[in-house]
């Protein structure tokens, strides 16, 4: 016949196990606000400036093309009533094709820009990860969290990582 532990004894055993774990080895945790690393570090600001310089001419071309399309569209709207059906259809088709080209140009620009930003962020993340590992070892941290709904300022090591990242 199996032996049944009284509920009180079972409850005491279950409660004591976590307490024993906590007393023997309380883990130390750190927290890093990774978005701050990607926006506030010198490395991130340098990358942003480099990307801005790289993409500024292309952005200007896109903006000028959008402006030209808008002007042509407004001109067409004003003249459409006086045009023959054939001419109105031809110009409407030209505007439609130009609109498609502009949309494609904008989409490609955004995709290329995002790809470059992701490349730069990956480089920052790789360097930051190595620094986080070093700090975790030095401070004998058992875990470093990058995402949290809330964290105490006591465990936030973001400023320390930023300083080391900027060296």
Protein backbone atom coordinates (compact mmCIF):
# COMPACT_ATOMS: atom_id res chain seq x y z
CA UNK A 1 0.00 0.00 0.00
CA UNK A 2 1.49 3.38 -1.06
CA UNK A 3 2.38 5.74 1.66
CA UNK A 4 0.56 9.11 1.51
CA UNK A 5 2.21 12.21 2.93
CA UNK A 6 -0.04 14.56 4.84
CA UNK A 7 -0.77 17.77 2.91
CA UNK A 8 1.00 19.98 5.43
CA UNK A 9 4.21 17.96 5.16
CA UNK A 10 4.04 17.95 1.35
CA UNK A 11 3.49 21.72 1.31
CA UNK A 12 6.46 22.25 3.65
CA UNK A 13 8.74 20.17 1.41
CA UNK A 14 7.65 22.01 -1.74
CA UNK A 15 8.14 25.43 -0.14
CA UNK A 16 11.52 24.59 1.35
CA UNK A 17 13.10 23.48 -1.94
CA UNK A 18 13.07 26.92 -3.63
CA UNK A 19 14.13 28.54 -0.37
CA UNK A 20 17.14 26.22 -0.15
CA UNK A 21 18.07 27.01 -3.75
CA UNK A 22 17.82 30.74 -3.14
CA UNK A 23 20.06 30.53 -0.07
CA UNK A 24 22.75 28.40 -1.72
CA UNK A 25 23.27 30.35 -4.92
CA UNK A 26 21.36 33.52 -5.55
CA UNK A 27 21.90 34.39 -9.21
CA UNK A 28 23.01 37.87 -10.19
CA UNK A 29 21.29 39.48 -13.11
CA UNK A 30 22.16 42.49 -15.23
CA UNK A 31 20.05 44.41 -17.72
CA UNK A 32 21.03 46.20 -20.96
CA UNK A 33 18.73 48.53 -22.90
CA UNK A 34 19.89 47.46 -26.36
CA UNK A 35 17.96 50.19 -28.18
CA UNK A 36 20.02 52.77 -26.30
CA UNK A 37 23.19 51.08 -27.58
CA UNK A 38 21.83 51.39 -31.12
CA UNK A 39 20.97 55.08 -30.79
CA UNK A 40 23.20 56.69 -28.16
CA UNK A 41 26.62 55.14 -28.78
CA UNK A 42 29.27 56.99 -30.80
CA UNK A 43 29.44 53.94 -33.04
CA UNK A 44 25.71 54.26 -33.81
CA UNK A 45 25.90 58.01 -34.41
CA UNK A 46 28.86 57.54 -36.76
CA UNK A 47 26.96 54.81 -38.62
CA UNK A 48 23.89 57.06 -38.94
CA UNK A 49 26.01 59.87 -40.38
CA UNK A 50 27.68 57.47 -42.82
CA UNK A 51 24.30 56.12 -43.96
CA UNK A 52 22.90 59.65 -44.29
CA UNK A 53 25.81 60.66 -46.51
CA UNK A 54 25.51 57.47 -48.55
CA UNK A 55 21.77 57.80 -49.18
CA UNK A 56 21.19 61.59 -49.27
CA UNK A 57 21.70 62.01 -53.04
CA UNK A 58 19.42 59.08 -53.80
CA UNK A 59 16.77 60.38 -51.40
CA UNK A 60 16.89 63.76 -53.14
CA UNK A 61 16.37 62.08 -56.53
CA UNK A 62 13.36 60.18 -55.16
CA UNK A 63 11.86 63.36 -53.69
CA UNK A 64 12.40 65.30 -56.93
CA UNK A 65 10.79 62.51 -58.95
CA UNK A 66 7.76 62.48 -56.63
CA UNK A 67 7.45 66.26 -56.99
CA UNK A 68 7.71 66.03 -60.79
CA UNK A 69 5.01 63.32 -60.87
CA UNK A 70 2.72 65.44 -58.70
CA UNK A 71 3.22 68.49 -60.95
CA UNK A 72 2.57 66.46 -64.11
CA UNK A 73 -0.53 64.94 -62.54
CA UNK A 74 -1.89 68.37 -61.56
CA UNK A 75 -1.17 69.72 -65.05
CA UNK A 76 -2.94 66.73 -66.60
CA UNK A 77 -5.97 67.22 -64.32
CA UNK A 78 -6.23 70.85 -65.47
CA UNK A 79 -5.84 70.05 -69.17
CA UNK A 80 -7.72 66.74 -69.37
CA UNK A 81 -11.07 68.26 -70.30
CA UNK A 82 -9.60 69.95 -73.39
CA UNK A 83 -7.67 66.92 -74.67
CA UNK A 84 -8.81 64.45 -77.28
CA UNK A 85 -9.66 60.95 -76.02
CA UNK A 86 -6.50 59.54 -77.61
CA UNK A 87 -4.23 62.20 -76.07
CA UNK A 88 -5.95 61.96 -72.67
CA UNK A 89 -5.50 58.15 -72.67
CA UNK A 90 -1.85 58.44 -73.73
CA UNK A 91 -0.99 60.96 -71.02
CA UNK A 92 -2.96 59.04 -68.39
CA UNK A 93 -0.98 55.92 -69.29
CA UNK A 94 2.30 57.89 -69.04
CA UNK A 95 1.33 59.12 -65.58
CA UNK A 96 0.34 55.62 -64.50
CA UNK A 97 3.68 54.22 -65.69
CA UNK A 98 5.56 57.04 -64.01
CA UNK A 99 3.64 56.42 -60.78
CA UNK A 100 4.62 52.73 -60.89
CA UNK A 101 8.26 53.71 -61.47
CA UNK A 102 8.16 56.14 -58.54
CA UNK A 103 6.62 53.53 -56.24
CA UNK A 104 9.27 51.00 -57.28
CA UNK A 105 12.02 53.59 -56.77
CA UNK A 106 10.69 54.44 -53.29
CA UNK A 107 10.36 50.77 -52.32
CA UNK A 108 13.90 49.94 -53.51
CA UNK A 109 15.27 52.99 -51.70
CA UNK A 110 13.58 51.95 -48.44
CA UNK A 111 14.73 48.33 -48.79
CA UNK A 112 18.34 49.38 -49.46
CA UNK A 113 18.27 51.87 -46.60
CA UNK A 114 16.91 49.27 -44.17
CA UNK A 115 19.50 46.73 -45.31
CA UNK A 116 22.34 49.20 -44.64
CA UNK A 117 20.90 50.12 -41.25
CA UNK A 118 20.63 46.43 -40.36
CA UNK A 119 24.24 45.85 -41.42
CA UNK A 120 25.44 48.69 -39.22
CA UNK A 121 23.27 47.53 -36.30
CA UNK A 122 24.67 44.01 -36.65
CA UNK A 123 28.22 45.36 -36.36
CA UNK A 124 27.28 47.34 -33.25
CA UNK A 125 25.47 44.32 -31.77
CA UNK A 126 28.48 42.05 -32.34
CA UNK A 127 30.83 44.46 -30.58
CA UNK A 128 28.33 45.15 -27.79
CA UNK A 129 27.80 41.43 -27.19
CA UNK A 130 31.53 40.90 -26.62
CA UNK A 131 31.61 43.82 -24.18
CA UNK A 132 28.51 42.53 -22.37
CA UNK A 133 30.20 39.13 -21.97
CA UNK A 134 33.31 40.79 -20.51
CA UNK A 135 31.30 42.90 -18.06
CA UNK A 136 29.20 39.90 -17.05
CA UNK A 137 32.37 37.94 -16.27
CA UNK A 138 33.96 40.83 -14.37
CA UNK A 139 30.85 41.44 -12.27
CA UNK A 140 30.11 37.72 -11.91
CA UNK A 141 26.64 38.02 -13.44
CA UNK A 142 24.74 34.81 -14.12
CA UNK A 143 22.49 36.41 -16.76
CA UNK A 144 22.15 39.66 -18.67
CA UNK A 145 18.68 40.48 -19.95
CA UNK A 146 18.09 42.59 -23.01
CA UNK A 147 14.31 42.84 -22.82
CA UNK A 148 12.21 43.39 -19.74
CA UNK A 149 8.86 44.92 -18.93
CA UNK A 150 10.61 46.62 -16.03
CA UNK A 151 14.03 46.50 -14.44
CA UNK A 152 15.58 48.05 -11.39
CA UNK A 153 18.24 50.68 -11.98
CA UNK A 154 20.45 48.60 -9.66
CA UNK A 155 20.89 45.93 -12.33
CA UNK A 156 21.03 48.24 -15.38
CA UNK A 157 24.53 48.06 -16.90
CA UNK A 158 23.65 50.00 -20.08
CA UNK A 159 25.70 53.10 -19.20
CA UNK A 160 28.76 50.95 -18.49
CA UNK A 161 28.35 49.14 -21.83
CA UNK A 162 27.92 52.47 -23.66
CA UNK A 163 31.15 53.82 -22.16
CA UNK A 164 33.08 50.70 -23.14
CA UNK A 165 31.49 50.64 -26.60
CA UNK A 166 32.56 54.25 -27.17
CA UNK A 167 36.22 53.57 -26.37
